Amino acid sequence: MRNHTLSTIYILVGLTDDPNLQILLFIFLLITYLLSVVGNLTIITLTFIDPRLKTPMYFFLRNFSFLEVSFTTVCIPRYLYTLATGDNTVTYNPCAAQLFFVVVLGATEFFLLTAMSFDRYVAICKPLHYMTIMNNRVCIKFLIGCYILALIIVLPPYIMGFELEFCDSNVIDHFGCDAAPILKIACSDTQFIERFVLVLAVLTLIFTLVCVILSYTYIIKTILRFPSAQQRKKAFSTCSSHIIVVSITYGSCIFIYIKPHAKEGVAMNKMVSLLTTSVAPVMNPFIYTLRNKQVIQAFKDMIKRAASVSKN
């Protein structure tokens, strides 16, 4: 007879049992986490204090950086604690909370990237009406809409998950509480919820990706009509950072989630999930800042002001 009582304590397998690899992994994750937090908080600070960055584009970038900090903070510190102490257990409520925030923040990022692509479309294709169309009220509505859409998509399968029964196995084959390894240890029939999650993921991916592609189709057509090569180069430069981040985000999502069964490929997904939650949040601030002269100049000015204040 199987024990269908709900386990209150789960064991997270992690990525490796080798102590030496665990040390290297701890150092790597600690460095990437600190870089991610510092880099994204720097962008948030700059877009708040520098008047040159008070535009819709930097409003969305600031909120995207906030999402990145939140996303990596939900995942990485808990695993760092496990690597440092050897305590790989987690109780039911924190596990459920981590799963909720991971999927909500992840879904919100896709909608926010779509809003950012629309912002670039208006800026390049309708420059004379840019500040009228993308005013503060519209930007805030876009931001709130991103969170609401994410909740609408995430809540139904998440609530359904509370109806699952778990047998005698309480071992989660992951470094955190993710949907696929949790479904793997459920003794209930997970076929419907797996298909439901797959449909929602595909619809979200297709909807947001089509919106991004349409935006950049019009953007490219408009840029190619610019008479000056310098104008074309500048326009492409303002979009290139967003295109790179979109490619990384959608590529990792397609690899992890667009699978026929949640119970397959968990081992490979762990590695990709680790890169998504640790490396990608580090790359994004550098992608946006190193290719943006305004942000670089704002950062230099902030350093100069900080230096002058410390001298005084």
Protein backbone atom coordinates (compact mmCIF):
# COMPACT_ATOMS: atom_id res chain seq x y z
CA MET A 1 0.00 0.00 0.00
CA ARG A 2 1.25 3.46 -0.87
CA ASN A 3 1.20 6.18 1.72
CA HIS A 4 -0.86 9.03 0.22
CA THR A 5 -0.31 11.43 3.08
CA LEU A 6 1.21 14.74 2.09
CA SER A 7 4.93 14.92 2.82
CA THR A 8 5.81 18.06 4.75
CA ILE A 9 9.58 17.81 4.26
CA TYR A 10 11.24 17.36 0.88
CA ILE A 11 14.83 16.55 -0.01
CA LEU A 12 16.44 18.55 -2.82
CA VAL A 13 18.93 16.41 -4.74
CA GLY A 14 20.88 19.37 -6.12
CA LEU A 15 23.39 19.08 -8.95
CA THR A 16 26.24 16.99 -7.54
CA ASP A 17 27.32 14.97 -4.50
CA ASP A 18 31.03 15.59 -5.08
CA PRO A 19 32.33 17.87 -2.25
CA ASN A 20 34.99 19.44 -4.48
CA LEU A 21 32.47 20.25 -7.20
CA GLN A 22 30.12 21.61 -4.56
CA ILE A 23 32.82 24.06 -3.41
CA LEU A 24 33.43 25.23 -6.97
CA LEU A 25 29.70 25.48 -7.58
CA PHE A 26 29.23 27.52 -4.40
CA ILE A 27 31.96 29.98 -5.40
CA PHE A 28 30.59 30.25 -8.95
CA LEU A 29 27.00 30.83 -7.81
CA LEU A 30 28.01 33.28 -5.09
CA ILE A 31 30.02 35.38 -7.57
CA THR A 32 27.30 35.34 -10.26
CA TYR A 33 24.60 36.15 -7.69
CA LEU A 34 26.52 39.11 -6.28
CA LEU A 35 27.30 40.39 -9.78
CA SER A 36 23.67 40.00 -10.77
CA VAL A 37 22.37 41.88 -7.72
CA VAL A 38 24.98 44.65 -7.98
CA GLY A 39 24.57 45.02 -11.76
CA ASN A 40 20.79 45.13 -11.75
CA LEU A 41 20.58 47.36 -8.67
CA THR A 42 23.01 49.73 -10.39
CA ILE A 43 20.67 49.97 -13.39
CA ILE A 44 17.69 50.53 -11.07
CA THR A 45 19.56 53.27 -9.20
CA LEU A 46 20.76 55.00 -12.37
CA THR A 47 17.31 55.08 -13.94
CA PHE A 48 15.92 56.61 -10.75
CA ILE A 49 18.50 59.35 -10.15
CA ASP A 50 19.68 60.37 -13.65
CA PRO A 51 17.29 62.76 -15.45
CA ARG A 52 18.57 61.59 -18.85
CA LEU A 53 17.20 58.13 -18.12
CA LYS A 54 13.65 59.25 -17.31
CA THR A 55 12.21 57.79 -20.51
CA PRO A 56 9.80 54.88 -21.12
CA MET A 57 12.65 52.68 -22.37
CA TYR A 58 14.53 52.99 -19.08
CA PHE A 59 11.30 52.66 -17.09
CA PHE A 60 10.85 49.19 -18.60
CA LEU A 61 14.56 48.41 -18.21
CA ARG A 62 14.40 49.34 -14.51
CA ASN A 63 11.47 47.01 -13.95
CA PHE A 64 13.13 44.25 -15.96
CA SER A 65 16.19 44.57 -13.72
CA PHE A 66 13.90 44.36 -10.68
CA LEU A 67 12.43 41.14 -12.07
CA GLU A 68 15.92 39.72 -12.64
CA VAL A 69 17.01 40.49 -9.07
CA SER A 70 13.81 38.98 -7.70
CA PHE A 71 14.03 35.88 -9.91
CA THR A 72 17.62 35.03 -9.04
CA THR A 73 17.02 35.82 -5.33
CA VAL A 74 14.12 33.36 -5.20
CA CYS A 75 16.36 30.56 -6.54
CA ILE A 76 20.05 31.01 -5.75
CA PRO A 77 20.42 31.97 -2.03
CA ARG A 78 18.49 28.88 -0.94
CA TYR A 79 20.81 26.64 -2.96
CA LEU A 80 23.87 28.51 -1.63
CA TYR A 81 22.61 27.73 1.88
CA THR A 82 22.29 24.06 0.96
CA LEU A 83 25.83 23.94 -0.47
CA ALA A 84 27.26 25.74 2.57
CA THR A 85 25.48 23.77 5.30
CA GLY A 86 24.65 20.46 3.65
CA ASP A 87 21.00 20.92 4.68
CA ASN A 88 19.11 19.94 1.53
CA THR A 89 15.66 19.69 3.11
CA VAL A 90 12.79 22.09 2.51
CA THR A 91 9.31 22.16 4.02
CA TYR A 92 6.08 22.25 2.03
CA ASN A 93 5.16 25.94 2.37
CA PRO A 94 8.56 27.43 1.38
CA CYS A 95 8.72 24.96 -1.52
CA ALA A 96 5.26 25.99 -2.76
CA ALA A 97 6.15 29.67 -2.35
CA GLN A 98 9.39 29.28 -4.31
CA LEU A 99 7.59 27.49 -7.13
CA PHE A 100 4.93 30.22 -7.27
CA PHE A 101 7.37 33.11 -7.47
CA VAL A 102 9.63 31.35 -9.98
CA VAL A 103 6.82 30.78 -12.48
CA VAL A 104 5.12 34.16 -11.92
CA LEU A 105 8.33 36.17 -12.24
CA GLY A 106 9.39 34.08 -15.24
CA ALA A 107 6.07 34.61 -17.03
CA THR A 108 6.11 38.33 -16.22
CA GLU A 109 9.52 38.66 -17.87
CA PHE A 110 8.11 37.42 -21.18
CA PHE A 111 5.28 39.94 -21.15
CA LEU A 112 7.64 42.72 -20.10
CA LEU A 113 10.02 41.89 -22.95
CA THR A 114 7.00 42.14 -25.27
CA ALA A 115 6.14 45.57 -23.85
CA MET A 116 9.75 46.65 -24.33
CA SER A 117 9.62 45.58 -27.99
CA PHE A 118 6.45 47.67 -28.47
CA ASP A 119 8.23 50.61 -26.85
CA ARG A 120 11.08 50.28 -29.38
CA TYR A 121 8.53 50.05 -32.20
CA VAL A 122 6.88 53.33 -31.19
CA ALA A 123 10.25 55.04 -30.63
CA ILE A 124 11.57 54.16 -34.10
CA CYS A 125 8.43 53.94 -36.23
CA LYS A 126 6.47 56.80 -34.64
CA PRO A 127 9.13 59.08 -33.11
CA LEU A 128 7.07 62.29 -33.28
CA HIS A 129 4.29 60.71 -31.20
CA TYR A 130 6.54 58.68 -28.91
CA MET A 131 6.12 60.69 -25.70
CA THR A 132 2.38 61.02 -26.32
CA ILE A 133 1.78 57.31 -26.89
CA MET A 134 4.25 56.03 -24.28
CA ASN A 135 3.39 58.42 -21.47
CA ASN A 136 3.78 57.52 -17.78
CA ARG A 137 0.19 56.31 -17.42
CA VAL A 138 0.52 53.95 -20.41
CA CYS A 139 3.85 52.58 -19.14
CA ILE A 140 2.38 51.84 -15.71
CA LYS A 141 -0.64 50.15 -17.32
CA PHE A 142 1.71 48.00 -19.42
CA LEU A 143 3.66 47.02 -16.29
CA ILE A 144 0.56 46.15 -14.26
CA GLY A 145 -0.82 44.25 -17.26
CA CYS A 146 2.34 42.11 -17.41
CA TYR A 147 1.90 41.00 -13.80
CA ILE A 148 -1.86 40.41 -14.18
CA LEU A 149 -1.42 38.30 -17.31
CA ALA A 150 1.29 36.26 -15.60
CA LEU A 151 -1.01 35.60 -12.62
CA ILE A 152 -3.91 34.64 -14.91
CA ILE A 153 -1.72 32.06 -16.63
CA VAL A 154 0.05 30.71 -13.55
CA LEU A 155 -2.72 30.51 -10.93
CA PRO A 156 -5.00 27.83 -12.53
CA PRO A 157 -2.35 25.07 -12.83
CA TYR A 158 -0.75 26.19 -9.56
CA ILE A 159 -4.05 25.78 -7.69
CA MET A 160 -4.60 22.43 -9.41
CA GLY A 161 -1.24 21.34 -8.03
CA PHE A 162 -2.60 21.47 -4.47
CA GLU A 163 -4.92 18.59 -5.37
CA LEU A 164 -2.01 16.28 -6.22
CA GLU A 165 -1.24 13.39 -3.90
CA PHE A 166 2.34 12.49 -3.02
CA CYS A 167 3.40 8.97 -2.16
CA ASP A 168 6.30 7.76 -0.07
CA SER A 169 8.86 9.60 -2.23
CA ASN A 170 9.80 13.08 -1.05
CA VAL A 171 13.00 13.45 -3.09
CA ILE A 172 12.90 16.36 -5.57
CA ASP A 173 15.46 15.83 -8.33
CA HIS A 174 16.42 19.49 -8.61
CA PHE A 175 18.28 22.23 -6.74
CA GLY A 176 15.01 24.07 -6.16
CA CYS A 177 11.27 23.55 -6.21
CA ASP A 178 10.45 23.44 -9.91
CA ALA A 179 7.28 22.14 -11.56
CA ALA A 180 8.72 19.20 -13.52
CA PRO A 181 10.53 17.40 -10.65
CA ILE A 182 7.56 17.97 -8.33
CA LEU A 183 5.21 16.39 -10.85
CA LYS A 184 7.68 13.53 -11.13
CA ILE A 185 7.19 12.46 -7.49
CA ALA A 186 3.39 12.82 -7.53
CA CYS A 187 1.49 9.53 -7.39
CA SER A 188 -1.62 11.18 -8.84
CA ASP A 189 -2.23 11.11 -12.56
CA THR A 190 -0.38 14.23 -13.78
CA GLN A 191 -1.16 13.83 -17.48
CA PHE A 192 -3.89 16.48 -17.54
CA ILE A 193 -1.97 19.09 -15.57
CA GLU A 194 1.14 18.45 -17.69
CA ARG A 195 -0.81 19.02 -20.88
CA PHE A 196 -2.53 22.05 -19.38
CA VAL A 197 0.81 23.59 -18.41
CA LEU A 198 2.21 22.76 -21.85
CA VAL A 199 -0.73 24.48 -23.61
CA LEU A 200 -0.40 27.58 -21.43
CA ALA A 201 3.37 27.69 -21.96
CA VAL A 202 3.06 27.31 -25.73
CA LEU A 203 0.29 29.92 -25.99
CA THR A 204 2.28 32.38 -23.88
CA LEU A 205 5.42 31.74 -25.88
CA ILE A 206 3.68 32.04 -29.25
CA PHE A 207 1.68 35.15 -28.30
CA THR A 208 4.64 37.08 -26.90
CA LEU A 209 7.03 35.90 -29.61
CA VAL A 210 4.64 36.87 -32.41
CA CYS A 211 4.25 40.33 -30.84
CA VAL A 212 8.03 40.73 -30.61
CA ILE A 213 8.55 39.54 -34.20
CA LEU A 214 5.84 41.86 -35.53
CA SER A 215 7.36 44.81 -33.68
CA TYR A 216 10.82 44.14 -35.05
CA THR A 217 9.50 43.49 -38.56
CA TYR A 218 8.11 47.02 -38.64
CA ILE A 219 11.22 48.36 -36.92
CA ILE A 220 13.57 46.82 -39.49
CA LYS A 221 11.42 48.06 -42.38
CA THR A 222 11.50 51.58 -40.95
CA ILE A 223 15.23 51.53 -40.25
CA LEU A 224 16.07 50.36 -43.76
CA ARG A 225 14.26 53.44 -45.13
CA PHE A 226 16.52 55.80 -43.16
CA PRO A 227 18.63 57.83 -45.62
CA SER A 228 21.73 58.00 -43.44
CA ALA A 229 23.91 54.98 -42.62
CA GLN A 230 24.71 56.57 -39.26
CA GLN A 231 20.99 56.83 -38.46
CA ARG A 232 20.49 53.18 -39.35
CA LYS A 233 23.44 52.14 -37.19
CA LYS A 234 22.18 54.15 -34.21
CA ALA A 235 18.66 52.72 -34.55
CA PHE A 236 19.92 49.14 -34.77
CA SER A 237 22.18 49.79 -31.78
CA THR A 238 19.23 50.83 -29.58
CA CYS A 239 17.44 47.56 -30.41
CA SER A 240 20.35 45.13 -30.42
CA SER A 241 20.55 44.75 -26.62
CA HIS A 242 16.86 43.91 -26.38
CA ILE A 243 17.14 41.40 -29.24
CA ILE A 244 20.03 39.60 -27.49
CA VAL A 245 18.13 39.37 -24.18
CA VAL A 246 14.99 38.15 -25.99
CA SER A 247 17.01 35.45 -27.76
CA ILE A 248 18.54 34.21 -24.49
CA THR A 249 15.20 34.20 -22.65
CA TYR A 250 13.16 32.49 -25.35
CA GLY A 251 15.92 30.01 -26.18
CA SER A 252 16.23 28.78 -22.60
CA CYS A 253 12.45 28.59 -22.19
CA ILE A 254 11.99 26.54 -25.35
CA PHE A 255 14.69 24.11 -24.21
CA ILE A 256 13.30 23.66 -20.68
CA TYR A 257 9.54 23.76 -20.95
CA ILE A 258 8.41 22.81 -24.43
CA LYS A 259 8.56 19.07 -23.82
CA PRO A 260 5.84 16.42 -24.13
CA HIS A 261 6.23 15.10 -20.56
CA ALA A 262 7.41 16.81 -17.39
CA LYS A 263 8.94 13.55 -16.19
CA GLU A 264 11.56 13.50 -18.93
CA GLY A 265 14.84 15.32 -19.20
CA VAL A 266 14.97 16.60 -15.61
CA ALA A 267 18.74 16.12 -15.33
CA MET A 268 19.49 18.29 -18.36
CA ASN A 269 16.88 20.84 -17.30
CA LYS A 270 18.67 21.30 -13.98
CA MET A 271 21.79 22.56 -15.71
CA VAL A 272 19.86 24.88 -18.02
CA SER A 273 17.77 26.14 -15.09
CA LEU A 274 20.97 26.89 -13.17
CA LEU A 275 22.34 28.93 -16.06
CA THR A 276 19.00 30.71 -16.49
CA THR A 277 18.79 31.65 -12.82
CA SER A 278 22.47 32.54 -12.30
CA VAL A 279 24.25 33.50 -15.54
CA ALA A 280 21.44 35.21 -17.50
CA PRO A 281 20.66 37.78 -14.76
CA VAL A 282 24.37 38.67 -14.73
CA MET A 283 24.58 39.05 -18.50
CA ASN A 284 21.54 41.29 -18.93
CA PRO A 285 22.89 44.38 -17.09
CA PHE A 286 26.15 44.17 -19.03
CA ILE A 287 24.33 43.64 -22.34
CA TYR A 288 22.24 46.76 -21.78
CA THR A 289 24.98 48.96 -20.29
CA LEU A 290 27.98 48.11 -22.45
CA ARG A 291 25.99 48.87 -25.62
CA ASN A 292 24.34 52.03 -24.26
CA LYS A 293 26.32 55.25 -24.12
CA GLN A 294 23.69 57.05 -22.04
CA VAL A 295 23.80 54.43 -19.28
CA ILE A 296 27.63 54.36 -19.34
CA GLN A 297 27.77 58.15 -19.05
CA ALA A 298 25.19 58.12 -16.25
CA PHE A 299 27.27 55.50 -14.42
CA LYS A 300 30.45 57.59 -14.79
CA ASP A 301 28.64 60.67 -13.50
CA MET A 302 27.35 58.73 -10.49
CA ILE A 303 30.87 57.51 -9.68
CA LYS A 304 32.20 61.08 -9.95
CA ARG A 305 29.50 62.39 -7.62
CA ALA A 306 30.16 59.60 -5.13
CA ALA A 307 33.90 60.31 -5.25
CA SER A 308 33.42 64.06 -4.71
CA VAL A 309 31.07 63.42 -1.77
CA SER A 310 33.60 61.02 -0.15
CA LYS A 311 36.39 63.61 -0.53
CA ASN A 312 34.28 66.30 1.12
